Amino acid sequence: LLYRYIEGRFLANTRMTIGVEFFLKELNIEGKKILLQVWDFGGQDHFRPLLKNYAVGARGALLLFDLTRPSSLERIEQWVDICRGGTQEIPIIFLGTKLDLEDQVTIFDSFALKFKEQYGFFKYLKISSKTGENVNLAFELLARELVKDL
C-alpha cells in the first residue's frame, strides 16, 4: 500500500514490514501544504508491545484488513487500542485490501461496516494496491480530516 501511494506503482514481490518503517509525502489540501508522515507498523506479535510508543502523537490512522482473509480481523481491537493509545480519539479509516481479488473476497461490506460502527471508524473503503483503486483517496480523505480544523 505505501509503495503504491508514495512511489505510484505496485511491486508484486514486496516484503512484509518488519517492525516499523516511515515515509514522507507532501500534499496540497485546499491550498495548504501538508507534509504527511506515514508510519507502517508490522503485524508480528513480538513487535506489538512496542507499537503504542510509536503511535503516541498520531493524528490519524489507516487500519487495514485483507478482504480475502477473515483471520485478518481477529486482532482489530488490539490495533484500535494501539492507534488510539487507549484514550486518544483520532480519525481512523478502515481499509479492506485486495479489492482486485473480487472472486476471492470473503468479507463483505455489511460485515466490515459492523466493525466501522463498533469502533467509531471515520470511514470504510475498499482498496487495491495492485490496481491503485482508492489508494490515493484513502490518504486524501484522512489528510482532509486532519487539516479541517487548521
Foldseek 3Di string as FASTA:
>chain_A
DVCCVPVVADDPPDDFDDAKDWDWDWDQDPNDIDIDIDMDGGDDPVNLVVLLVVLVPPQEEEAEAEQLDPVSCVCVVSVLCSNCVNPRDHAYEYEHEDVVVVVRGDQDPVNVVVVCVVSVHPYYDYAYSHVGPCVVVVVNVRVCVSPVVD
